[in-house]
N, C-alpha and C. Protein backbone atom coordinates (compact mmCIF):
# COMPACT_ATOMS: atom_id res chain seq x y z
N MET A 1 -0.13 10.07 32.77
CA MET A 1 -0.36 10.19 31.33
C MET A 1 0.89 9.70 30.60
N THR A 2 0.72 8.78 29.67
CA THR A 2 1.86 8.12 29.04
C THR A 2 1.74 8.22 27.53
N GLU A 3 2.88 8.44 26.88
CA GLU A 3 2.89 8.45 25.42
C GLU A 3 3.20 7.05 24.91
N GLY A 4 2.58 6.69 23.78
CA GLY A 4 2.83 5.38 23.19
C GLY A 4 1.58 4.84 22.55
N TYR A 5 1.71 3.90 21.62
CA TYR A 5 0.58 3.32 20.90
C TYR A 5 0.36 1.89 21.35
N PRO A 6 -0.84 1.45 21.46
CA PRO A 6 -1.11 0.09 21.90
C PRO A 6 -0.73 -0.87 20.81
N ALA A 7 0.97 -1.75 21.00
CA ALA A 7 1.48 -2.71 19.95
C ALA A 7 0.47 -3.80 19.97
N ARG A 8 -27.06 2.96 22.93
CA ARG A 8 -26.98 1.62 23.16
C ARG A 8 -28.36 0.98 23.05
N THR A 9 -28.47 1.02 22.22
CA THR A 9 -29.55 0.08 21.92
C THR A 9 -29.09 -1.27 22.44
N ARG A 10 -29.82 -1.90 23.26
CA ARG A 10 -29.40 -3.14 23.87
C ARG A 10 -30.31 -4.26 23.49
N PRO A 11 -29.84 -5.23 22.69
CA PRO A 11 -30.68 -6.38 22.43
C PRO A 11 -30.71 -7.31 23.64
N ASP A 12 -31.45 -8.37 23.52
CA ASP A 12 -31.59 -9.38 24.55
C ASP A 12 -30.24 -9.91 25.00
N ARG A 13 -30.03 -10.10 26.31
CA ARG A 13 -28.74 -10.46 26.86
C ARG A 13 -28.57 -11.96 27.04
N THR A 14 -29.41 -12.76 26.43
CA THR A 14 -29.31 -14.20 26.62
C THR A 14 -28.19 -14.81 25.80
N GLY A 15 -27.67 -14.09 24.82
CA GLY A 15 -26.64 -14.65 23.95
C GLY A 15 -27.21 -15.59 22.91
N ARG A 16 -28.51 -15.49 22.65
CA ARG A 16 -29.09 -16.40 21.67
C ARG A 16 -28.73 -15.99 20.25
N GLY A 17 -28.51 -14.73 19.94
CA GLY A 17 -28.27 -14.16 18.65
C GLY A 17 -28.26 -15.15 17.50
N PRO A 18 -28.23 -14.83 16.21
CA PRO A 18 -28.27 -13.41 15.89
C PRO A 18 -29.68 -12.85 15.99
N ARG A 19 -29.79 -11.68 16.54
CA ARG A 19 -31.07 -11.03 16.63
C ARG A 19 -30.86 -9.58 16.22
N ILE A 20 -31.44 -9.19 15.12
CA ILE A 20 -31.25 -7.84 14.61
C ILE A 20 -32.23 -6.91 15.31
N ASP A 21 -31.71 -5.99 16.08
CA ASP A 21 -32.54 -5.00 16.74
C ASP A 21 -32.34 -3.66 16.05
N ARG A 22 -32.75 -2.61 16.72
CA ARG A 22 -32.51 -1.28 16.16
C ARG A 22 -31.02 -1.05 16.02
N PRO A 23 -30.61 -0.27 15.03
CA PRO A 23 -29.18 -0.02 14.88
C PRO A 23 -28.62 0.72 16.07
N ALA A 24 -27.32 0.53 16.31
CA ALA A 24 -26.66 1.23 17.40
C ALA A 24 -26.77 2.74 17.23
N THR A 25 -26.91 3.20 16.00
CA THR A 25 -27.04 4.63 15.77
C THR A 25 -28.34 5.18 16.31
N GLY A 26 -29.29 4.33 16.68
CA GLY A 26 -30.52 4.79 17.28
C GLY A 26 -30.38 5.13 18.74
N LEU A 27 -29.17 5.00 19.29
CA LEU A 27 -28.96 5.28 20.69
C LEU A 27 -29.12 6.75 21.01
N GLY A 28 -28.88 7.61 20.04
CA GLY A 28 -28.88 9.03 20.32
C GLY A 28 -27.59 9.43 21.01
N GLY A 29 -27.48 10.73 21.35
CA GLY A 29 -26.28 11.19 22.02
C GLY A 29 -25.18 11.51 21.03
N TRP A 30 -24.00 11.86 21.57
CA TRP A 30 -22.91 12.33 20.72
C TRP A 30 -22.41 11.28 19.75
N TRP A 31 -22.62 9.99 20.07
CA TRP A 31 -22.04 8.95 19.20
C TRP A 31 -22.93 8.61 18.01
N ALA A 32 -24.15 9.15 17.95
CA ALA A 32 -25.04 8.77 16.87
C ALA A 32 -24.43 9.14 15.53
N GLY A 33 -24.42 8.21 14.61
CA GLY A 33 -23.86 8.44 13.29
C GLY A 33 -23.63 7.12 12.60
N ALA A 34 -23.09 7.16 11.42
CA ALA A 34 -22.94 5.95 10.63
C ALA A 34 -21.55 5.38 10.66
N GLY A 35 -20.64 6.01 11.35
CA GLY A 35 -19.28 5.52 11.36
C GLY A 35 -19.01 4.64 12.55
N GLY A 36 -17.78 4.70 13.07
CA GLY A 36 -17.43 3.91 14.23
C GLY A 36 -16.19 4.48 14.85
N HIS A 37 -16.01 4.31 16.17
CA HIS A 37 -14.77 4.76 16.80
C HIS A 37 -14.06 3.54 17.36
N ASN A 38 -13.00 3.76 18.10
CA ASN A 38 -12.18 2.68 18.67
C ASN A 38 -11.54 1.82 17.60
N GLY A 39 -11.36 2.36 16.42
CA GLY A 39 -10.63 1.62 15.41
C GLY A 39 -11.48 0.72 14.55
N VAL A 40 -12.74 0.41 14.93
CA VAL A 40 -13.50 -0.54 14.15
C VAL A 40 -13.94 0.01 12.81
N ASN A 41 -13.75 1.30 12.57
CA ASN A 41 -14.11 1.88 11.28
C ASN A 41 -12.89 2.08 10.39
N GLU A 42 -11.74 1.60 10.82
CA GLU A 42 -10.51 1.98 10.14
C GLU A 42 -10.18 1.14 8.92
N CYS A 43 -10.88 0.03 8.72
CA CYS A 43 -10.53 -0.85 7.61
C CYS A 43 -11.62 -0.91 6.56
N GLY A 44 -12.53 0.05 6.56
CA GLY A 44 -13.56 0.08 5.55
C GLY A 44 -14.84 -0.57 6.03
N GLY A 45 -15.88 -0.50 5.20
CA GLY A 45 -17.19 -0.93 5.63
C GLY A 45 -17.64 -2.27 5.10
N ALA A 46 -16.92 -2.89 4.19
CA ALA A 46 -17.37 -4.16 3.65
C ALA A 46 -16.19 -5.07 3.43
N MET A 47 -16.45 -6.36 3.45
CA MET A 47 -15.40 -7.34 3.32
C MET A 47 -15.88 -8.37 2.32
N ASP A 48 -15.28 -8.40 1.12
CA ASP A 48 -15.72 -9.29 0.06
C ASP A 48 -17.21 -9.11 -0.23
N GLY A 49 -17.67 -7.88 -0.21
CA GLY A 49 -19.07 -7.61 -0.47
C GLY A 49 -19.97 -7.79 0.72
N GLN A 50 -19.44 -8.29 1.83
CA GLN A 50 -20.24 -8.50 3.03
C GLN A 50 -20.02 -7.36 4.02
N PRO A 51 -21.04 -7.04 4.82
CA PRO A 51 -20.85 -6.01 5.85
C PRO A 51 -19.76 -6.41 6.82
N ARG A 52 -19.03 -5.43 7.33
CA ARG A 52 -18.02 -5.68 8.35
C ARG A 52 -18.68 -6.06 9.67
N THR A 53 -17.97 -6.86 10.45
CA THR A 53 -18.45 -7.22 11.78
C THR A 53 -17.34 -6.97 12.79
N ALA A 54 -17.72 -6.86 14.06
CA ALA A 54 -16.76 -6.63 15.14
C ALA A 54 -17.23 -7.35 16.39
N LEU A 55 -16.27 -7.86 17.15
CA LEU A 55 -16.52 -8.44 18.47
C LEU A 55 -15.95 -7.47 19.49
N VAL A 56 -16.79 -6.92 20.35
CA VAL A 56 -16.36 -5.87 21.27
C VAL A 56 -16.91 -6.13 22.67
N ALA A 57 -16.25 -5.49 23.64
CA ALA A 57 -16.73 -5.46 25.02
C ALA A 57 -17.17 -4.03 25.32
N PRO A 58 -18.45 -3.78 25.55
CA PRO A 58 -18.90 -2.41 25.81
C PRO A 58 -18.38 -1.90 27.15
N VAL A 59 -18.02 -0.62 27.17
CA VAL A 59 -17.51 0.03 28.38
C VAL A 59 -18.30 1.33 28.57
N PRO A 60 -19.56 1.23 28.99
CA PRO A 60 -20.40 2.43 29.07
C PRO A 60 -19.89 3.48 30.04
N ALA A 61 -19.11 3.09 31.04
CA ALA A 61 -18.59 4.08 31.99
C ALA A 61 -17.66 5.07 31.31
N ALA A 62 -17.07 4.69 30.17
CA ALA A 62 -16.16 5.58 29.45
C ALA A 62 -16.88 6.50 28.48
N ASP A 63 -18.18 6.33 28.32
CA ASP A 63 -18.92 7.21 27.40
C ASP A 63 -18.81 8.67 27.81
N ARG A 64 -18.79 8.94 29.11
CA ARG A 64 -18.72 10.34 29.54
C ARG A 64 -17.37 10.96 29.17
N ILE A 65 -16.32 10.15 29.10
CA ILE A 65 -15.02 10.66 28.68
C ILE A 65 -15.06 11.05 27.20
N LEU A 66 -15.61 10.16 26.38
CA LEU A 66 -15.70 10.47 24.95
C LEU A 66 -16.59 11.69 24.72
N ALA A 67 -17.67 11.78 25.49
CA ALA A 67 -18.55 12.94 25.34
C ALA A 67 -17.84 14.23 25.73
N ALA A 68 -17.03 14.18 26.78
CA ALA A 68 -16.30 15.38 27.21
C ALA A 68 -15.29 15.81 26.16
N VAL A 69 -14.59 14.86 25.57
CA VAL A 69 -13.62 15.18 24.52
C VAL A 69 -14.32 15.75 23.30
N ALA A 70 -15.49 15.21 22.97
CA ALA A 70 -16.20 15.64 21.77
C ALA A 70 -16.68 17.08 21.86
N VAL A 71 -16.79 17.63 23.06
CA VAL A 71 -17.24 19.02 23.21
C VAL A 71 -16.29 19.97 22.49
N ASP A 72 -14.98 19.82 22.74
CA ASP A 72 -13.99 20.73 22.14
C ASP A 72 -13.28 20.13 20.93
N HIS A 73 -13.32 18.80 20.80
CA HIS A 73 -12.60 18.14 19.71
C HIS A 73 -13.50 17.09 19.06
N PRO A 74 -14.60 17.50 18.46
CA PRO A 74 -15.54 16.52 17.92
C PRO A 74 -14.95 15.64 16.83
N ALA A 75 -13.99 16.15 16.08
CA ALA A 75 -13.42 15.36 15.00
C ALA A 75 -12.55 14.22 15.51
N ALA A 76 -12.12 14.29 16.77
CA ALA A 76 -11.24 13.26 17.32
C ALA A 76 -11.99 12.00 17.69
N VAL A 77 -13.26 12.13 18.02
CA VAL A 77 -14.04 11.01 18.55
C VAL A 77 -14.89 10.41 17.44
N ARG A 78 -14.63 9.14 17.15
CA ARG A 78 -15.38 8.47 16.10
C ARG A 78 -16.80 8.17 16.58
N THR A 79 -17.77 8.33 15.68
CA THR A 79 -19.16 8.07 16.03
C THR A 79 -19.58 6.69 15.56
N GLY A 80 -20.69 6.21 16.08
CA GLY A 80 -21.25 4.96 15.60
C GLY A 80 -21.52 3.96 16.70
N LEU A 81 -20.51 3.61 17.48
CA LEU A 81 -20.67 2.71 18.61
C LEU A 81 -20.30 3.43 19.90
N PRO A 82 -20.98 3.13 21.00
CA PRO A 82 -20.54 3.67 22.29
C PRO A 82 -19.15 3.16 22.65
N ALA A 83 -18.61 3.63 23.74
CA ALA A 83 -17.26 3.25 24.16
C ALA A 83 -17.15 1.74 24.33
N HIS A 84 -16.04 1.19 23.87
CA HIS A 84 -15.86 -0.26 23.93
C HIS A 84 -14.39 -0.61 23.75
N VAL A 85 -14.07 -1.83 24.09
CA VAL A 85 -12.77 -2.43 23.78
C VAL A 85 -13.00 -3.44 22.67
N THR A 86 -12.24 -3.35 21.62
CA THR A 86 -12.38 -4.28 20.50
C THR A 86 -11.60 -5.56 20.79
N LEU A 87 -12.30 -6.69 20.76
CA LEU A 87 -11.62 -7.98 20.88
C LEU A 87 -11.09 -8.43 19.53
N LEU A 88 -11.93 -8.28 18.50
CA LEU A 88 -11.50 -8.70 17.16
C LEU A 88 -12.30 -7.95 16.11
N TYR A 89 -11.55 -7.27 15.23
CA TYR A 89 -12.14 -6.58 14.09
C TYR A 89 -11.11 -6.54 12.97
N PRO A 90 -11.48 -6.97 11.79
CA PRO A 90 -12.75 -7.53 11.38
C PRO A 90 -13.01 -8.88 12.05
N PHE A 91 -14.28 -9.18 12.30
CA PHE A 91 -14.68 -10.46 12.88
C PHE A 91 -15.20 -11.36 11.76
N VAL A 92 -15.82 -12.46 12.12
CA VAL A 92 -16.35 -13.41 11.15
C VAL A 92 -17.32 -12.69 10.20
N PRO A 93 -17.23 -12.93 8.88
CA PRO A 93 -18.15 -12.28 7.95
C PRO A 93 -19.61 -12.48 8.36
N ALA A 94 -20.42 -11.47 8.12
CA ALA A 94 -21.81 -11.49 8.59
C ALA A 94 -22.56 -12.73 8.13
N ILE A 95 -22.31 -13.16 6.90
CA ILE A 95 -23.04 -14.30 6.36
C ILE A 95 -22.69 -15.60 7.09
N ASP A 96 -21.53 -15.64 7.75
CA ASP A 96 -21.07 -16.86 8.42
C ASP A 96 -21.22 -16.81 9.94
N LEU A 97 -21.79 -15.74 10.48
CA LEU A 97 -21.80 -15.56 11.92
C LEU A 97 -22.47 -16.71 12.65
N GLU A 98 -23.64 -17.11 12.22
CA GLU A 98 -24.38 -18.15 12.95
C GLU A 98 -23.61 -19.46 12.97
N ASP A 99 -23.04 -19.86 11.86
CA ASP A 99 -22.36 -21.15 11.78
C ASP A 99 -20.95 -21.13 12.34
N HIS A 100 -20.27 -19.99 12.27
CA HIS A 100 -18.84 -19.97 12.59
C HIS A 100 -18.45 -18.96 13.67
N GLY A 101 -19.41 -18.37 14.35
CA GLY A 101 -19.05 -17.39 15.36
C GLY A 101 -19.91 -17.41 16.60
N LEU A 102 -21.22 -17.34 16.41
CA LEU A 102 -22.10 -17.12 17.55
C LEU A 102 -22.19 -18.32 18.48
N SER A 103 -22.18 -19.53 17.93
CA SER A 103 -22.29 -20.70 18.80
C SER A 103 -21.09 -20.80 19.73
N TRP A 104 -19.88 -20.53 19.20
CA TRP A 104 -18.69 -20.56 20.06
C TRP A 104 -18.77 -19.46 21.11
N LEU A 105 -19.23 -18.28 20.72
CA LEU A 105 -19.31 -17.17 21.66
C LEU A 105 -20.28 -17.45 22.79
N ARG A 106 -21.39 -18.11 22.50
CA ARG A 106 -22.35 -18.44 23.56
C ARG A 106 -21.67 -19.27 24.65
N GLU A 107 -20.97 -20.31 24.23
CA GLU A 107 -20.32 -21.19 25.20
C GLU A 107 -19.16 -20.49 25.89
N PHE A 108 -18.38 -19.75 25.12
CA PHE A 108 -17.22 -19.06 25.68
C PHE A 108 -17.64 -18.04 26.72
N ALA A 109 -18.59 -17.18 26.39
CA ALA A 109 -19.01 -16.13 27.31
C ALA A 109 -19.61 -16.72 28.58
N ALA A 110 -20.37 -17.78 28.45
CA ALA A 110 -21.00 -18.39 29.61
C ALA A 110 -19.99 -18.94 30.60
N ALA A 111 -18.78 -19.22 30.13
CA ALA A 111 -17.74 -19.78 31.00
C ALA A 111 -16.82 -18.71 31.59
N GLN A 112 -16.99 -17.44 31.18
CA GLN A 112 -16.09 -16.38 31.62
C GLN A 112 -16.76 -15.52 32.70
N PRO A 113 -16.04 -15.19 33.77
CA PRO A 113 -16.60 -14.28 34.77
C PRO A 113 -16.54 -12.83 34.27
N PRO A 114 -17.35 -11.95 34.83
CA PRO A 114 -17.22 -10.53 34.51
C PRO A 114 -15.81 -10.03 34.83
N VAL A 115 -15.39 -9.01 34.12
CA VAL A 115 -14.03 -8.48 34.25
C VAL A 115 -14.10 -7.05 34.80
N GLU A 116 -13.36 -6.81 35.87
CA GLU A 116 -13.32 -5.47 36.47
C GLU A 116 -12.22 -4.64 35.82
N LEU A 117 -12.60 -3.47 35.35
CA LEU A 117 -11.64 -2.53 34.77
C LEU A 117 -11.57 -1.29 35.65
N GLU A 118 -10.37 -0.76 35.80
CA GLU A 118 -10.19 0.54 36.43
C GLU A 118 -9.19 1.32 35.58
N PHE A 119 -9.68 2.35 34.94
CA PHE A 119 -8.84 3.19 34.09
C PHE A 119 -8.24 4.30 34.94
N THR A 120 -6.94 4.23 35.14
CA THR A 120 -6.25 5.24 35.96
C THR A 120 -5.23 6.04 35.16
N GLU A 121 -4.93 5.61 33.93
CA GLU A 121 -3.95 6.29 33.09
C GLU A 121 -4.50 6.48 31.69
N VAL A 122 -4.08 7.55 31.06
CA VAL A 122 -4.37 7.77 29.65
C VAL A 122 -3.05 7.79 28.91
N HIS A 123 -2.99 7.11 27.78
CA HIS A 123 -1.79 7.06 26.95
C HIS A 123 -2.06 7.79 25.64
N HIS A 124 -0.99 8.32 25.03
CA HIS A 124 -1.19 8.99 23.75
C HIS A 124 0.09 8.99 22.93
N THR A 125 -0.11 9.11 21.61
CA THR A 125 0.98 9.39 20.67
C THR A 125 0.72 10.79 20.13
N ALA A 126 1.32 11.10 19.00
CA ALA A 126 1.12 12.44 18.42
C ALA A 126 -0.32 12.68 17.99
N ASP A 127 -1.04 11.61 17.61
CA ASP A 127 -2.41 11.82 17.11
C ASP A 127 -3.40 10.77 17.58
N PHE A 128 -3.07 10.05 18.66
CA PHE A 128 -3.91 8.94 19.12
C PHE A 128 -3.95 8.95 20.64
N VAL A 129 -5.16 8.81 21.21
CA VAL A 129 -5.34 8.84 22.66
C VAL A 129 -6.17 7.62 23.06
N TYR A 130 -5.72 6.90 24.10
CA TYR A 130 -6.44 5.68 24.47
C TYR A 130 -6.28 5.36 25.94
N LEU A 131 -7.18 4.52 26.42
CA LEU A 131 -7.15 4.01 27.79
C LEU A 131 -6.77 2.54 27.74
N PRO A 132 -5.65 2.13 28.32
CA PRO A 132 -5.28 0.71 28.32
C PRO A 132 -6.32 -0.10 29.10
N ALA A 133 -6.58 -1.31 28.62
CA ALA A 133 -7.56 -2.20 29.26
C ALA A 133 -6.96 -3.59 29.42
N ALA A 134 -5.82 -3.66 30.10
CA ALA A 134 -5.07 -4.91 30.23
C ALA A 134 -5.87 -6.06 30.81
N PRO A 135 -6.78 -5.86 31.78
CA PRO A 135 -7.51 -7.00 32.33
C PRO A 135 -8.35 -7.76 31.31
N LEU A 136 -8.64 -7.14 30.17
CA LEU A 136 -9.38 -7.85 29.12
C LEU A 136 -8.46 -8.66 28.22
N GLY A 137 -7.17 -8.65 28.50
CA GLY A 137 -6.21 -9.38 27.68
C GLY A 137 -6.56 -10.84 27.46
N PRO A 138 -6.93 -11.59 28.51
CA PRO A 138 -7.26 -13.01 28.29
C PRO A 138 -8.43 -13.21 27.33
N LEU A 139 -9.45 -12.37 27.40
CA LEU A 139 -10.57 -12.51 26.47
C LEU A 139 -10.14 -12.17 25.05
N VAL A 140 -9.34 -11.12 24.92
CA VAL A 140 -8.84 -10.72 23.60
C VAL A 140 -8.00 -11.84 22.99
N ARG A 141 -7.09 -12.39 23.78
CA ARG A 141 -6.22 -13.46 23.27
C ARG A 141 -7.02 -14.69 22.89
N ALA A 142 -8.04 -15.02 23.68
CA ALA A 142 -8.85 -16.20 23.37
C ALA A 142 -9.56 -16.03 22.03
N ALA A 143 -10.08 -14.83 21.77
CA ALA A 143 -10.76 -14.58 20.49
C ALA A 143 -9.77 -14.64 19.33
N ARG A 144 -8.59 -14.06 19.52
CA ARG A 144 -7.60 -14.07 18.44
C ARG A 144 -7.06 -15.47 18.20
N ASP A 145 -6.93 -16.26 19.27
CA ASP A 145 -6.47 -17.64 19.10
C ASP A 145 -7.53 -18.49 18.40
N ARG A 146 -8.79 -18.20 18.68
CA ARG A 146 -9.87 -18.98 18.06
C ARG A 146 -9.95 -18.72 16.57
N TRP A 147 -9.66 -17.50 16.14
CA TRP A 147 -9.73 -17.13 14.73
C TRP A 147 -8.38 -16.55 14.29
N PRO A 148 -7.34 -17.37 14.21
CA PRO A 148 -6.00 -16.85 13.91
C PRO A 148 -5.87 -16.24 12.52
N ALA A 149 -6.76 -16.59 11.61
CA ALA A 149 -6.68 -16.03 10.26
C ALA A 149 -7.21 -14.60 10.18
N LEU A 150 -7.89 -14.15 11.24
CA LEU A 150 -8.46 -12.80 11.25
C LEU A 150 -7.50 -11.87 11.97
N ALA A 151 -6.68 -11.18 11.21
CA ALA A 151 -5.69 -10.28 11.82
C ALA A 151 -6.39 -9.06 12.42
N PRO A 152 -6.09 -8.70 13.67
CA PRO A 152 -6.71 -7.53 14.27
C PRO A 152 -6.48 -6.27 13.42
N TYR A 153 -7.55 -5.56 13.13
CA TYR A 153 -7.48 -4.34 12.31
C TYR A 153 -6.76 -4.59 10.98
N ALA A 154 -6.94 -5.81 10.45
CA ALA A 154 -6.32 -6.20 9.18
C ALA A 154 -4.80 -6.05 9.22
N GLY A 155 -4.21 -6.17 10.42
CA GLY A 155 -2.77 -6.11 10.56
C GLY A 155 -2.18 -4.73 10.56
N ARG A 156 -3.00 -3.69 10.57
CA ARG A 156 -2.47 -2.32 10.45
C ARG A 156 -1.68 -1.88 11.66
N PHE A 157 -1.93 -2.49 12.82
CA PHE A 157 -1.26 -2.05 14.05
C PHE A 157 -0.47 -3.19 14.69
N GLY A 158 0.03 -4.10 13.85
CA GLY A 158 0.81 -5.21 14.36
C GLY A 158 -0.06 -6.43 14.61
N ALA A 159 0.61 -7.52 14.96
CA ALA A 159 -0.08 -8.80 15.12
C ALA A 159 -0.89 -8.88 16.40
N ASP A 160 -0.51 -8.11 17.42
CA ASP A 160 -1.13 -8.28 18.73
C ASP A 160 -1.28 -6.95 19.46
N PRO A 161 -2.07 -6.01 18.92
CA PRO A 161 -2.25 -4.73 19.62
C PRO A 161 -2.92 -4.95 20.97
N GLU A 162 -2.53 -4.16 21.97
CA GLU A 162 -3.07 -4.37 23.30
C GLU A 162 -4.51 -3.89 23.38
N PRO A 163 -5.31 -4.49 24.26
CA PRO A 163 -6.70 -4.05 24.41
C PRO A 163 -6.77 -2.63 24.96
N HIS A 164 -7.70 -1.85 24.45
CA HIS A 164 -7.78 -0.44 24.83
C HIS A 164 -9.13 0.14 24.42
N VAL A 165 -9.48 1.23 25.06
CA VAL A 165 -10.59 2.07 24.62
C VAL A 165 -10.00 3.26 23.89
N THR A 166 -10.33 3.42 22.63
CA THR A 166 -9.87 4.59 21.89
C THR A 166 -10.68 5.81 22.31
N VAL A 167 -9.97 6.87 22.67
CA VAL A 167 -10.61 8.13 23.05
C VAL A 167 -10.60 9.11 21.88
N GLY A 168 -9.47 9.23 21.20
CA GLY A 168 -9.36 10.12 20.06
C GLY A 168 -8.32 9.61 19.11
N MET A 169 -8.55 9.82 17.82
CA MET A 169 -7.58 9.33 16.85
C MET A 169 -7.51 10.27 15.66
N ARG A 170 -6.32 10.24 15.01
CA ARG A 170 -6.07 11.08 13.85
C ARG A 170 -6.36 12.54 14.15
N HIS A 171 -5.85 12.99 15.28
CA HIS A 171 -6.11 14.38 15.68
C HIS A 171 -4.82 14.98 16.24
N PRO A 172 -4.42 16.16 15.76
CA PRO A 172 -3.14 16.73 16.19
C PRO A 172 -3.12 17.21 17.64
N ALA A 173 -4.28 17.33 18.27
CA ALA A 173 -4.34 17.83 19.66
C ALA A 173 -4.36 16.69 20.66
N ALA A 174 -3.65 15.60 20.36
CA ALA A 174 -3.70 14.42 21.23
C ALA A 174 -3.25 14.75 22.65
N ALA A 175 -2.20 15.54 22.79
CA ALA A 175 -1.70 15.87 24.13
C ALA A 175 -2.74 16.65 24.92
N GLU A 176 -3.40 17.58 24.26
CA GLU A 176 -4.45 18.36 24.93
C GLU A 176 -5.63 17.47 25.32
N ILE A 177 -5.99 16.57 24.42
CA ILE A 177 -7.09 15.64 24.72
C ILE A 177 -6.72 14.75 25.90
N ALA A 178 -5.48 14.29 25.93
CA ALA A 178 -5.04 13.44 27.04
C ALA A 178 -5.13 14.18 28.37
N GLU A 179 -4.86 15.48 28.36
CA GLU A 179 -4.98 16.27 29.59
C GLU A 179 -6.44 16.33 30.05
N ILE A 180 -7.35 16.48 29.12
CA ILE A 180 -8.77 16.48 29.46
C ILE A 180 -9.15 15.15 30.10
N VAL A 181 -8.71 14.07 29.47
CA VAL A 181 -9.07 12.74 29.96
C VAL A 181 -8.48 12.48 31.34
N ALA A 182 -7.23 12.89 31.54
CA ALA A 182 -6.58 12.66 32.82
C ALA A 182 -7.37 13.27 33.97
N GLY A 183 -8.02 14.40 33.71
CA GLY A 183 -8.80 15.05 34.75
C GLY A 183 -10.11 14.35 35.07
N LEU A 184 -10.49 13.37 34.25
CA LEU A 184 -11.74 12.63 34.46
C LEU A 184 -11.52 11.25 35.04
N LEU A 185 -10.27 10.87 35.22
CA LEU A 185 -9.96 9.54 35.76
C LEU A 185 -9.86 9.59 37.27
N PRO A 186 -10.07 8.47 37.96
CA PRO A 186 -10.27 7.13 37.43
C PRO A 186 -11.71 6.88 36.97
N VAL A 187 -11.84 5.87 36.13
CA VAL A 187 -13.15 5.39 35.68
C VAL A 187 -13.16 3.88 35.90
N ARG A 188 -14.24 3.40 36.46
CA ARG A 188 -14.36 1.96 36.76
C ARG A 188 -15.52 1.36 35.99
N GLN A 189 -15.33 0.12 35.57
CA GLN A 189 -16.36 -0.58 34.80
C GLN A 189 -16.24 -2.07 35.05
N VAL A 190 -17.36 -2.72 35.29
CA VAL A 190 -17.41 -4.18 35.29
C VAL A 190 -17.94 -4.60 33.92
N VAL A 191 -17.10 -5.24 33.14
CA VAL A 191 -17.51 -5.73 31.82
C VAL A 191 -18.22 -7.06 32.03
N ASP A 192 -19.50 -7.10 31.71
CA ASP A 192 -20.28 -8.31 31.96
C ASP A 192 -20.94 -8.87 30.71
N GLU A 193 -20.54 -8.37 29.54
CA GLU A 193 -21.08 -8.92 28.31
C GLU A 193 -20.18 -8.56 27.14
N LEU A 194 -20.33 -9.30 26.07
CA LEU A 194 -19.69 -9.03 24.79
C LEU A 194 -20.77 -8.73 23.77
N TRP A 195 -20.42 -7.91 22.78
CA TRP A 195 -21.34 -7.60 21.69
C TRP A 195 -20.73 -8.05 20.37
N VAL A 196 -21.60 -8.49 19.47
CA VAL A 196 -21.23 -8.62 18.06
C VAL A 196 -21.99 -7.56 17.29
N GLY A 197 -21.26 -6.72 16.56
CA GLY A 197 -21.86 -5.67 15.77
C GLY A 197 -21.63 -5.90 14.29
N VAL A 198 -22.60 -5.50 13.49
CA VAL A 198 -22.49 -5.59 12.03
C VAL A 198 -22.63 -4.18 11.47
N ARG A 199 -21.70 -3.82 10.62
CA ARG A 199 -21.72 -2.49 10.02
C ARG A 199 -22.10 -2.58 8.55
N ASP A 200 -23.25 -2.01 8.21
CA ASP A 200 -23.65 -1.89 6.82
C ASP A 200 -23.84 -0.40 6.55
N GLN A 201 -25.05 0.10 6.67
CA GLN A 201 -25.26 1.54 6.59
C GLN A 201 -24.95 2.23 7.92
N GLY A 202 -24.88 1.47 8.96
CA GLY A 202 -24.55 1.92 10.30
C GLY A 202 -24.30 0.68 11.13
N TRP A 203 -23.91 0.86 12.37
CA TRP A 203 -23.65 -0.28 13.24
C TRP A 203 -24.94 -0.79 13.86
N THR A 204 -25.13 -2.12 13.80
CA THR A 204 -26.25 -2.79 14.45
C THR A 204 -25.69 -3.86 15.37
N ILE A 205 -26.15 -3.91 16.61
CA ILE A 205 -25.75 -4.96 17.53
C ILE A 205 -26.63 -6.17 17.26
N THR A 206 -26.04 -7.26 16.78
CA THR A 206 -26.81 -8.44 16.38
C THR A 206 -26.85 -9.51 17.45
N GLY A 207 -26.02 -9.41 18.47
CA GLY A 207 -26.04 -10.39 19.54
C GLY A 207 -25.27 -9.89 20.74
N THR A 208 -25.75 -10.22 21.93
CA THR A 208 -25.03 -9.92 23.16
C THR A 208 -24.83 -11.22 23.92
N PHE A 209 -23.69 -11.32 24.59
CA PHE A 209 -23.30 -12.57 25.23
C PHE A 209 -22.83 -12.27 26.64
N ALA A 210 -23.65 -12.64 27.62
CA ALA A 210 -23.36 -12.33 29.01
C ALA A 210 -22.20 -13.17 29.53
N LEU A 211 -21.31 -12.53 30.28
CA LEU A 211 -20.21 -13.23 30.95
C LEU A 211 -20.75 -13.71 32.29
N THR A 212 -21.03 -15.00 32.40
CA THR A 212 -21.74 -15.53 33.57
C THR A 212 -20.96 -16.61 34.31
N GLY A 213 -19.68 -16.80 33.96
CA GLY A 213 -18.89 -17.81 34.64
C GLY A 213 -18.51 -17.39 36.05
N ASP A 214 -17.98 -18.34 36.80
CA ASP A 214 -17.54 -18.06 38.17
C ASP A 214 -16.12 -17.52 38.20
């Protein structure tokens, strides 16, 4: 356990998007709600009058960790999307997704192999708890390099925050939460797709992009 800050409704997996399916809040379970966790809700819900968007890698194996934390510390776990690593948020404005985001993602994802994650450590600060996800670094960097004008989290956490799954945030019991998480590790996940989500009244997954490269 380390201190420090990082500096499912399932639509069709063909990557054809955009395809608006049921909102992510229709998944049920502890995450159902209109907000978001993992930091994607931290910069507000609209951008120049447009709904916010996010490019994320889902990590369903970590859902049980978030659910366990939510039992005793429900305020620490943001609701809205299941567990994920954020590649880029805010992402391309919703109105521009088809012309300036989805076509590149189709080609990019098709060329990338699935990524194996093994979470063996939990890190925390005074009020933030997260699981480092370093193997996703190349995908995160590629997305940030492709859209250099889109600062991750609007620049609130530096120019290049490390990839991670947020477990709890803005909560004074971070050390206690980290102890809970440590007892549930290791957790393994093969990341085999990326999601684009749009947040208006709630999060909706508008496209999924399978990682099918060799």
